[in-house]
Amino acid sequence: MFDDLILLAKGGLTAYHGPVKKVEEYFADIGITVPDRVNPPDYFIDILEGILKPASGVHYKQLPVRWMLHNAYPFKKDNMQHNFLSMVDLSGRTTPGILRQYKYFLGRVGKQRLREARTQAVDYLILLLAGICLGTLAKVSDETFGAVGYTYTVIAVCK
């Protein structure tokens, strides 16, 4: 069904990117074998999340580094230890409750509606000024009661 698979470790780092048919082979090469009667994608995701610890002793924080080494990406080992292995684990953070999220949602919707209303008010003000200017240019008499100026205003509004 799928040709390629991308597995991301914590922090969004690539732990595997390649053909689906070779994912088990790659992980077996680094010492992670899928037990019998276990779904391989679920097993790999559990390892990447740190829920399961493989028998080979490979730590989930090492998987992005192993992928870089496997593909021969150029990098310095000092930076590797500092940047990749010292990342802060945010999986235990708490998210705002449903009421606070709803409050943020209503605030954003309100701001968006106000921006639209402001733009619409400016557009109507410009049309009003255009109508006033065109109305003063037209000859107004008591007999026509400014019908020509009104026509120019309608033309300005319609365009």
C-alpha atoms as a PDB file:
ATOM      1  CA  MET A   1       0.000   0.000   0.000  1.00  0.00           C
ATOM      2  CA  PHE A   2       2.831   2.424   0.886  1.00  0.00           C
ATOM      3  CA  ASP A   3       6.158   2.600  -0.908  1.00  0.00           C
ATOM      4  CA  ASP A   4       8.172   4.713   1.534  1.00  0.00           C
ATOM      5  CA  LEU A   5       8.090   5.138   5.282  1.00  0.00           C
ATOM      6  CA  ILE A   6       9.363   7.930   7.486  1.00  0.00           C
ATOM      7  CA  LEU A   7       9.780   7.286  11.203  1.00  0.00           C
ATOM      8  CA  LEU A   8      10.473  10.327  13.342  1.00  0.00           C
ATOM      9  CA  ALA A   9      12.075  10.196  16.761  1.00  0.00           C
ATOM     10  CA  LYS A  10      11.273  12.623  19.554  1.00  0.00           C
ATOM     11  CA  GLY A  11      12.061  16.160  18.508  1.00  0.00           C
ATOM     12  CA  GLY A  12      11.172  15.498  14.875  1.00  0.00           C
ATOM     13  CA  LEU A  13      14.488  13.894  13.965  1.00  0.00           C
ATOM     14  CA  THR A  14      14.473  11.230  11.268  1.00  0.00           C
ATOM     15  CA  ALA A  15      15.024   7.722  12.585  1.00  0.00           C
ATOM     16  CA  TYR A  16      14.229   5.964   9.292  1.00  0.00           C
ATOM     17  CA  HIS A  17      13.335   7.081   5.768  1.00  0.00           C
ATOM     18  CA  GLY A  18      13.161   4.498   3.046  1.00  0.00           C
ATOM     19  CA  PRO A  19      11.253   1.605   1.523  1.00  0.00           C
ATOM     20  CA  VAL A  20       8.698  -0.147   3.684  1.00  0.00           C
ATOM     21  CA  LYS A  21      10.121  -3.540   2.707  1.00  0.00           C
ATOM     22  CA  LYS A  22      13.532  -2.684   4.182  1.00  0.00           C
ATOM     23  CA  VAL A  23      12.505  -1.139   7.510  1.00  0.00           C
ATOM     24  CA  GLU A  24      12.679  -4.422   9.440  1.00  0.00           C
ATOM     25  CA  GLU A  25      16.024  -5.221   7.828  1.00  0.00           C
ATOM     26  CA  TYR A  26      17.433  -1.811   8.844  1.00  0.00           C
ATOM     27  CA  PHE A  27      16.317  -2.128  12.460  1.00  0.00           C
ATOM     28  CA  ALA A  28      17.543  -5.726  12.618  1.00  0.00           C
ATOM     29  CA  ASP A  29      20.988  -4.486  11.489  1.00  0.00           C
ATOM     30  CA  ILE A  30      21.165  -2.102  14.443  1.00  0.00           C
ATOM     31  CA  GLY A  31      19.963  -4.774  16.851  1.00  0.00           C
ATOM     32  CA  ILE A  32      16.224  -4.166  17.071  1.00  0.00           C
ATOM     33  CA  THR A  33      14.194  -7.222  16.096  1.00  0.00           C
ATOM     34  CA  VAL A  34      10.423  -7.389  16.124  1.00  0.00           C
ATOM     35  CA  PRO A  35       9.058 -10.154  18.397  1.00  0.00           C
ATOM     36  CA  ASP A  36       6.667 -12.726  17.002  1.00  0.00           C
ATOM     37  CA  ARG A  37       2.984 -11.785  16.833  1.00  0.00           C
ATOM     38  CA  VAL A  38       3.694  -8.057  17.202  1.00  0.00           C
ATOM     39  CA  ASN A  39       2.773  -5.395  14.661  1.00  0.00           C
ATOM     40  CA  PRO A  40       6.123  -3.979  13.388  1.00  0.00           C
ATOM     41  CA  PRO A  41       5.012  -0.320  12.975  1.00  0.00           C
ATOM     42  CA  ASP A  42       3.552  -0.262  16.489  1.00  0.00           C
ATOM     43  CA  TYR A  43       6.698  -1.843  17.885  1.00  0.00           C
ATOM     44  CA  PHE A  44       8.974   0.683  16.164  1.00  0.00           C
ATOM     45  CA  ILE A  45       6.831   3.616  17.310  1.00  0.00           C
ATOM     46  CA  ASP A  46       6.882   2.328  20.895  1.00  0.00           C
ATOM     47  CA  ILE A  47      10.675   2.146  20.731  1.00  0.00           C
ATOM     48  CA  LEU A  48      10.926   5.636  19.216  1.00  0.00           C
ATOM     49  CA  GLU A  49       8.736   6.996  22.011  1.00  0.00           C
ATOM     50  CA  GLY A  50      10.872   5.300  24.644  1.00  0.00           C
ATOM     51  CA  ILE A  51       7.999   3.117  25.849  1.00  0.00           C
ATOM     52  CA  LEU A  52       9.816  -0.121  25.016  1.00  0.00           C
ATOM     53  CA  LYS A  53      13.506  -0.774  25.422  1.00  0.00           C
ATOM     54  CA  PRO A  54      15.025  -3.153  22.857  1.00  0.00           C
ATOM     55  CA  ALA A  55      17.056  -6.113  24.054  1.00  0.00           C
ATOM     56  CA  SER A  56      20.110  -4.898  22.121  1.00  0.00           C
ATOM     57  CA  GLY A  57      20.525  -1.915  24.444  1.00  0.00           C
ATOM     58  CA  VAL A  58      20.004   0.746  21.752  1.00  0.00           C
ATOM     59  CA  HIS A  59      18.501   3.810  23.377  1.00  0.00           C
ATOM     60  CA  TYR A  60      15.722   5.678  21.563  1.00  0.00           C
ATOM     61  CA  LYS A  61      17.788   8.888  21.635  1.00  0.00           C
ATOM     62  CA  GLN A  62      20.495   7.138  19.606  1.00  0.00           C
ATOM     63  CA  LEU A  63      18.206   6.176  16.715  1.00  0.00           C
ATOM     64  CA  PRO A  64      18.473   9.504  14.782  1.00  0.00           C
ATOM     65  CA  VAL A  65      22.258   9.369  15.180  1.00  0.00           C
ATOM     66  CA  ARG A  66      22.325   5.772  13.957  1.00  0.00           C
ATOM     67  CA  TRP A  67      20.306   6.832  10.905  1.00  0.00           C
ATOM     68  CA  MET A  68      22.784   9.606  10.160  1.00  0.00           C
ATOM     69  CA  LEU A  69      25.680   7.183  10.493  1.00  0.00           C
ATOM     70  CA  HIS A  70      23.893   4.624   8.315  1.00  0.00           C
ATOM     71  CA  ASN A  71      23.503   7.170   5.505  1.00  0.00           C
ATOM     72  CA  ALA A  72      27.013   8.600   5.986  1.00  0.00           C
ATOM     73  CA  TYR A  73      25.791  12.129   6.651  1.00  0.00           C
ATOM     74  CA  PRO A  74      28.704  14.454   7.455  1.00  0.00           C
ATOM     75  CA  PHE A  75      28.657  15.695  11.050  1.00  0.00           C
ATOM     76  CA  LYS A  76      31.015  16.069  13.996  1.00  0.00           C
ATOM     77  CA  LYS A  77      30.671  13.640  16.860  1.00  0.00           C
ATOM     78  CA  ASP A  78      31.014  16.440  19.444  1.00  0.00           C
ATOM     79  CA  ASN A  79      28.000  18.243  17.974  1.00  0.00           C
ATOM     80  CA  MET A  80      26.142  14.947  17.776  1.00  0.00           C
ATOM     81  CA  GLN A  81      26.471  14.323  21.497  1.00  0.00           C
ATOM     82  CA  HIS A  82      25.601  17.907  22.398  1.00  0.00           C
ATOM     83  CA  ASN A  83      22.687  18.550  20.042  1.00  0.00           C
ATOM     84  CA  PHE A  84      20.923  15.223  19.636  1.00  0.00           C
ATOM     85  CA  LEU A  85      21.440  13.400  22.879  1.00  0.00           C
ATOM     86  CA  SER A  86      20.807  16.354  25.197  1.00  0.00           C
ATOM     87  CA  MET A  87      17.368  17.271  23.855  1.00  0.00           C
ATOM     88  CA  VAL A  88      14.668  17.988  26.403  1.00  0.00           C
ATOM     89  CA  ASP A  89      11.911  15.402  26.539  1.00  0.00           C
ATOM     90  CA  LEU A  90       8.571  17.224  26.267  1.00  0.00           C
ATOM     91  CA  SER A  91       6.345  14.156  26.205  1.00  0.00           C
ATOM     92  CA  GLY A  92       5.258  14.661  29.822  1.00  0.00           C
ATOM     93  CA  ARG A  93       4.095  18.258  29.387  1.00  0.00           C
ATOM     94  CA  THR A  94       0.549  19.244  30.223  1.00  0.00           C
ATOM     95  CA  THR A  95      -1.681  20.913  27.680  1.00  0.00           C
ATOM     96  CA  PRO A  96      -4.344  23.526  28.440  1.00  0.00           C
ATOM     97  CA  GLY A  97      -7.798  22.297  29.351  1.00  0.00           C
ATOM     98  CA  ILE A  98     -10.788  22.406  27.029  1.00  0.00           C
ATOM     99  CA  LEU A  99     -12.150  25.674  28.455  1.00  0.00           C
ATOM    100  CA  ARG A 100      -8.847  27.504  28.048  1.00  0.00           C
ATOM    101  CA  GLN A 101      -8.493  26.192  24.486  1.00  0.00           C
ATOM    102  CA  TYR A 102     -12.025  27.368  23.725  1.00  0.00           C
ATOM    103  CA  LYS A 103     -11.190  30.792  25.185  1.00  0.00           C
ATOM    104  CA  TYR A 104      -8.136  31.040  22.894  1.00  0.00           C
ATOM    105  CA  PHE A 105     -10.278  29.946  19.952  1.00  0.00           C
ATOM    106  CA  LEU A 106     -12.929  32.612  20.635  1.00  0.00           C
ATOM    107  CA  GLY A 107     -10.227  35.268  21.022  1.00  0.00           C
ATOM    108  CA  ARG A 108      -8.681  34.393  17.666  1.00  0.00           C
ATOM    109  CA  VAL A 109     -12.059  34.310  15.925  1.00  0.00           C
ATOM    110  CA  GLY A 110     -12.945  37.685  17.437  1.00  0.00           C
ATOM    111  CA  LYS A 111      -9.702  39.256  16.246  1.00  0.00           C
ATOM    112  CA  GLN A 112     -10.237  37.885  12.769  1.00  0.00           C
ATOM    113  CA  ARG A 113     -13.792  39.241  12.625  1.00  0.00           C
ATOM    114  CA  LEU A 114     -12.618  42.662  13.813  1.00  0.00           C
ATOM    115  CA  ARG A 115      -9.955  42.759  11.093  1.00  0.00           C
ATOM    116  CA  GLU A 116     -12.602  41.935   8.476  1.00  0.00           C
ATOM    117  CA  ALA A 117     -14.997  44.568   9.885  1.00  0.00           C
ATOM    118  CA  ARG A 118     -12.253  47.206   9.877  1.00  0.00           C
ATOM    119  CA  THR A 119     -11.421  46.455   6.243  1.00  0.00           C
ATOM    120  CA  GLN A 120     -15.084  46.576   5.288  1.00  0.00           C
ATOM    121  CA  ALA A 121     -15.575  49.904   7.097  1.00  0.00           C
ATOM    122  CA  VAL A 122     -12.602  51.400   5.239  1.00  0.00           C
ATOM    123  CA  ASP A 123     -14.019  50.181   1.924  1.00  0.00           C
ATOM    124  CA  TYR A 124     -17.399  51.808   2.650  1.00  0.00           C
ATOM    125  CA  LEU A 125     -15.696  55.036   3.712  1.00  0.00           C
ATOM    126  CA  ILE A 126     -13.782  55.136   0.431  1.00  0.00           C
ATOM    127  CA  LEU A 127     -17.026  54.543  -1.474  1.00  0.00           C
ATOM    128  CA  LEU A 128     -18.741  57.292   0.499  1.00  0.00           C
ATOM    129  CA  LEU A 129     -15.970  59.749  -0.297  1.00  0.00           C
ATOM    130  CA  ALA A 130     -16.051  58.742  -3.967  1.00  0.00           C
ATOM    131  CA  GLY A 131     -19.815  59.266  -4.039  1.00  0.00           C
ATOM    132  CA  ILE A 132     -19.484  62.674  -2.389  1.00  0.00           C
ATOM    133  CA  CYS A 133     -16.799  63.745  -4.881  1.00  0.00           C
ATOM    134  CA  LEU A 134     -18.778  62.534  -7.884  1.00  0.00           C
ATOM    135  CA  GLY A 135     -21.975  64.024  -6.507  1.00  0.00           C
ATOM    136  CA  THR A 136     -20.401  67.475  -6.165  1.00  0.00           C
ATOM    137  CA  LEU A 137     -19.097  67.313  -9.733  1.00  0.00           C
ATOM    138  CA  ALA A 138     -22.580  66.721 -11.145  1.00  0.00           C
ATOM    139  CA  LYS A 139     -24.900  69.646 -11.706  1.00  0.00           C
ATOM    140  CA  VAL A 140     -27.632  69.611  -9.100  1.00  0.00           C
ATOM    141  CA  SER A 141     -30.871  71.455  -9.646  1.00  0.00           C
ATOM    142  CA  ASP A 142     -34.142  71.439  -7.813  1.00  0.00           C
ATOM    143  CA  GLU A 143     -35.910  69.856 -10.769  1.00  0.00           C
ATOM    144  CA  THR A 144     -33.755  66.695 -10.941  1.00  0.00           C
ATOM    145  CA  PHE A 145     -33.029  66.641  -7.199  1.00  0.00           C
ATOM    146  CA  GLY A 146     -29.458  65.472  -7.849  1.00  0.00           C
ATOM    147  CA  ALA A 147     -30.397  62.362  -9.815  1.00  0.00           C
ATOM    148  CA  VAL A 148     -27.239  62.651 -11.908  1.00  0.00           C
ATOM    149  CA  GLY A 149     -25.055  62.747  -8.776  1.00  0.00           C
ATOM    150  CA  TYR A 150     -26.966  59.776  -7.393  1.00  0.00           C
ATOM    151  CA  THR A 151     -26.296  57.883 -10.639  1.00  0.00           C
ATOM    152  CA  TYR A 152     -22.571  58.571 -10.327  1.00  0.00           C
ATOM    153  CA  THR A 153     -22.644  57.332  -6.740  1.00  0.00           C
ATOM    154  CA  VAL A 154     -24.378  54.110  -7.773  1.00  0.00           C
ATOM    155  CA  ILE A 155     -21.802  53.600 -10.515  1.00  0.00           C
ATOM    156  CA  ALA A 156     -18.974  54.096  -7.962  1.00  0.00           C
ATOM    157  CA  VAL A 157     -20.552  51.610  -5.545  1.00  0.00           C
ATOM    158  CA  CYS A 158     -21.111  48.975  -8.244  1.00  0.00           C
ATOM    159  CA  LYS A 159     -17.573  49.055  -9.500  1.00  0.00           C
END
